Amino acid sequence: MIYAINYDLKKPGQDYTPLHEAIKSCGVWWHYLGSTWLVDTNLKTDGIWNKLAPHVDKNDHILIIGVTNDSSGRLPQKAWDWINQRSAAA
């Protein structure tokens, strides 16, 4: 399943590299938009959150939501290829 991980990080100057590494550890990932990652994983939302939670502050906001085949927008073709290839497999 592909999940979108979207965040609004509130602490200026903080090193969020550990958060990014935790996101990458969840599965095959795509990161094209600044605060949005797509992750193809067997984990459920709670499993993803459990990996990310230690790396965010209480004032940060994170949304983890499943991606359906019904999607639209403007992204490079490589992004759509990544999404469509994994969505078709689900």
C-alpha atoms as a PDB file:
ATOM      1  CA  MET A   1       0.000   0.000   0.000  1.00  0.00           C
ATOM      2  CA  ILE A   2       1.209   3.509  -0.737  1.00  0.00           C
ATOM      3  CA  TYR A   3       0.908   6.038   2.065  1.00  0.00           C
ATOM      4  CA  ALA A   4       1.412   9.785   1.873  1.00  0.00           C
ATOM      5  CA  ILE A   5       3.319  11.199   4.825  1.00  0.00           C
ATOM      6  CA  ASN A   6       2.735  14.935   5.100  1.00  0.00           C
ATOM      7  CA  TYR A   7       4.222  17.140   7.772  1.00  0.00           C
ATOM      8  CA  ASP A   8       4.378  20.660   9.103  1.00  0.00           C
ATOM      9  CA  LEU A   9       7.504  20.899  11.248  1.00  0.00           C
ATOM     10  CA  LYS A  10       7.408  23.798  13.676  1.00  0.00           C
ATOM     11  CA  LYS A  11      10.886  24.086  15.164  1.00  0.00           C
ATOM     12  CA  PRO A  12      13.163  26.273  13.008  1.00  0.00           C
ATOM     13  CA  GLY A  13      16.744  25.112  12.791  1.00  0.00           C
ATOM     14  CA  GLN A  14      16.091  21.602  14.100  1.00  0.00           C
ATOM     15  CA  ASP A  15      17.808  18.748  12.279  1.00  0.00           C
ATOM     16  CA  TYR A  16      15.035  16.551  10.914  1.00  0.00           C
ATOM     17  CA  THR A  17      17.454  14.112   9.248  1.00  0.00           C
ATOM     18  CA  PRO A  18      16.502  11.353  11.751  1.00  0.00           C
ATOM     19  CA  LEU A  19      12.830  11.819  10.776  1.00  0.00           C
ATOM     20  CA  HIS A  20      13.692  11.550   7.087  1.00  0.00           C
ATOM     21  CA  GLU A  21      15.729   8.407   7.755  1.00  0.00           C
ATOM     22  CA  ALA A  22      12.796   6.929   9.724  1.00  0.00           C
ATOM     23  CA  ILE A  23      10.479   7.628   6.781  1.00  0.00           C
ATOM     24  CA  LYS A  24      12.934   5.954   4.393  1.00  0.00           C
ATOM     25  CA  SER A  25      13.088   2.898   6.679  1.00  0.00           C
ATOM     26  CA  CYS A  26       9.350   2.279   6.227  1.00  0.00           C
ATOM     27  CA  GLY A  27       9.642   0.992   2.660  1.00  0.00           C
ATOM     28  CA  VAL A  28      10.228   2.093  -0.921  1.00  0.00           C
ATOM     29  CA  TRP A  29       9.859   5.856  -0.942  1.00  0.00           C
ATOM     30  CA  TRP A  30       9.438   8.840  -3.289  1.00  0.00           C
ATOM     31  CA  HIS A  31      10.165  12.387  -2.120  1.00  0.00           C
ATOM     32  CA  TYR A  32       9.484  15.134  -4.622  1.00  0.00           C
ATOM     33  CA  LEU A  33       7.411  17.685  -2.683  1.00  0.00           C
ATOM     34  CA  GLY A  34       9.067  19.500   0.213  1.00  0.00           C
ATOM     35  CA  SER A  35       6.932  18.214   3.076  1.00  0.00           C
ATOM     36  CA  THR A  36       5.330  15.169   1.447  1.00  0.00           C
ATOM     37  CA  TRP A  37       6.748  11.680   1.073  1.00  0.00           C
ATOM     38  CA  LEU A  38       5.138   8.674  -0.602  1.00  0.00           C
ATOM     39  CA  VAL A  39       6.038   5.304   0.885  1.00  0.00           C
ATOM     40  CA  ASP A  40       5.136   1.886  -0.493  1.00  0.00           C
ATOM     41  CA  THR A  41       5.071  -0.372   2.558  1.00  0.00           C
ATOM     42  CA  ASN A  42       3.409  -3.345   4.223  1.00  0.00           C
ATOM     43  CA  LEU A  43       3.131  -1.325   7.429  1.00  0.00           C
ATOM     44  CA  LYS A  44      -0.195   0.166   8.488  1.00  0.00           C
ATOM     45  CA  THR A  45      -0.527   3.798   9.572  1.00  0.00           C
ATOM     46  CA  ASP A  46       0.110   2.968  13.251  1.00  0.00           C
ATOM     47  CA  GLY A  47       3.312   1.110  12.339  1.00  0.00           C
ATOM     48  CA  ILE A  48       4.526   4.075  10.295  1.00  0.00           C
ATOM     49  CA  TRP A  49       3.643   6.494  13.090  1.00  0.00           C
ATOM     50  CA  ASN A  50       5.502   4.372  15.644  1.00  0.00           C
ATOM     51  CA  LYS A  51       8.680   4.733  13.564  1.00  0.00           C
ATOM     52  CA  LEU A  52       8.259   8.502  13.094  1.00  0.00           C
ATOM     53  CA  ALA A  53       6.966   9.625  16.497  1.00  0.00           C
ATOM     54  CA  PRO A  54      10.345   9.549  18.301  1.00  0.00           C
ATOM     55  CA  HIS A  55      11.725  12.045  15.761  1.00  0.00           C
ATOM     56  CA  VAL A  56       9.148  14.856  16.005  1.00  0.00           C
ATOM     57  CA  ASP A  57       8.274  17.454  18.606  1.00  0.00           C
ATOM     58  CA  LYS A  58       4.873  17.763  20.241  1.00  0.00           C
ATOM     59  CA  ASN A  59       4.153  20.922  18.246  1.00  0.00           C
ATOM     60  CA  ASP A  60       4.903  19.275  14.859  1.00  0.00           C
ATOM     61  CA  HIS A  61       1.992  18.035  12.742  1.00  0.00           C
ATOM     62  CA  ILE A  62       2.071  14.822  10.710  1.00  0.00           C
ATOM     63  CA  LEU A  63      -0.617  13.212   8.544  1.00  0.00           C
ATOM     64  CA  ILE A  64      -0.228   9.627   7.305  1.00  0.00           C
ATOM     65  CA  ILE A  65      -2.916   8.642   4.831  1.00  0.00           C
ATOM     66  CA  GLY A  66      -3.413   5.902   2.263  1.00  0.00           C
ATOM     67  CA  VAL A  67      -3.154   6.800  -1.420  1.00  0.00           C
ATOM     68  CA  THR A  68      -5.876   5.500  -3.726  1.00  0.00           C
ATOM     69  CA  ASN A  69      -5.826   4.996  -7.473  1.00  0.00           C
ATOM     70  CA  ASP A  70      -7.936   8.154  -7.793  1.00  0.00           C
ATOM     71  CA  SER A  71      -5.231  10.814  -7.938  1.00  0.00           C
ATOM     72  CA  SER A  72      -4.487  13.894  -9.973  1.00  0.00           C
ATOM     73  CA  GLY A  73      -2.154  16.866 -10.022  1.00  0.00           C
ATOM     74  CA  ARG A  74       1.012  18.147 -11.615  1.00  0.00           C
ATOM     75  CA  LEU A  75       4.110  16.073 -11.008  1.00  0.00           C
ATOM     76  CA  PRO A  76       6.964  14.924 -13.234  1.00  0.00           C
ATOM     77  CA  GLN A  77       6.198  11.822 -15.279  1.00  0.00           C
ATOM     78  CA  LYS A  78       8.719   9.872 -13.153  1.00  0.00           C
ATOM     79  CA  ALA A  79       6.525  10.536 -10.103  1.00  0.00           C
ATOM     80  CA  TRP A  80       3.354   9.359 -11.853  1.00  0.00           C
ATOM     81  CA  ASP A  81       5.177   6.270 -13.116  1.00  0.00           C
ATOM     82  CA  TRP A  82       6.278   5.476  -9.544  1.00  0.00           C
ATOM     83  CA  ILE A  83       2.733   5.942  -8.189  1.00  0.00           C
ATOM     84  CA  ASN A  84       0.986   4.074 -11.005  1.00  0.00           C
ATOM     85  CA  GLN A  85       3.389   1.126 -10.952  1.00  0.00           C
ATOM     86  CA  ARG A  86       2.855   0.580  -7.230  1.00  0.00           C
ATOM     87  CA  SER A  87      -0.882   1.326  -7.262  1.00  0.00           C
ATOM     88  CA  ALA A  88      -1.453  -1.269  -9.968  1.00  0.00           C
ATOM     89  CA  ALA A  89       0.286  -3.900  -7.839  1.00  0.00           C
ATOM     90  CA  ALA A  90      -2.022  -3.296  -4.878  1.00  0.00           C
END
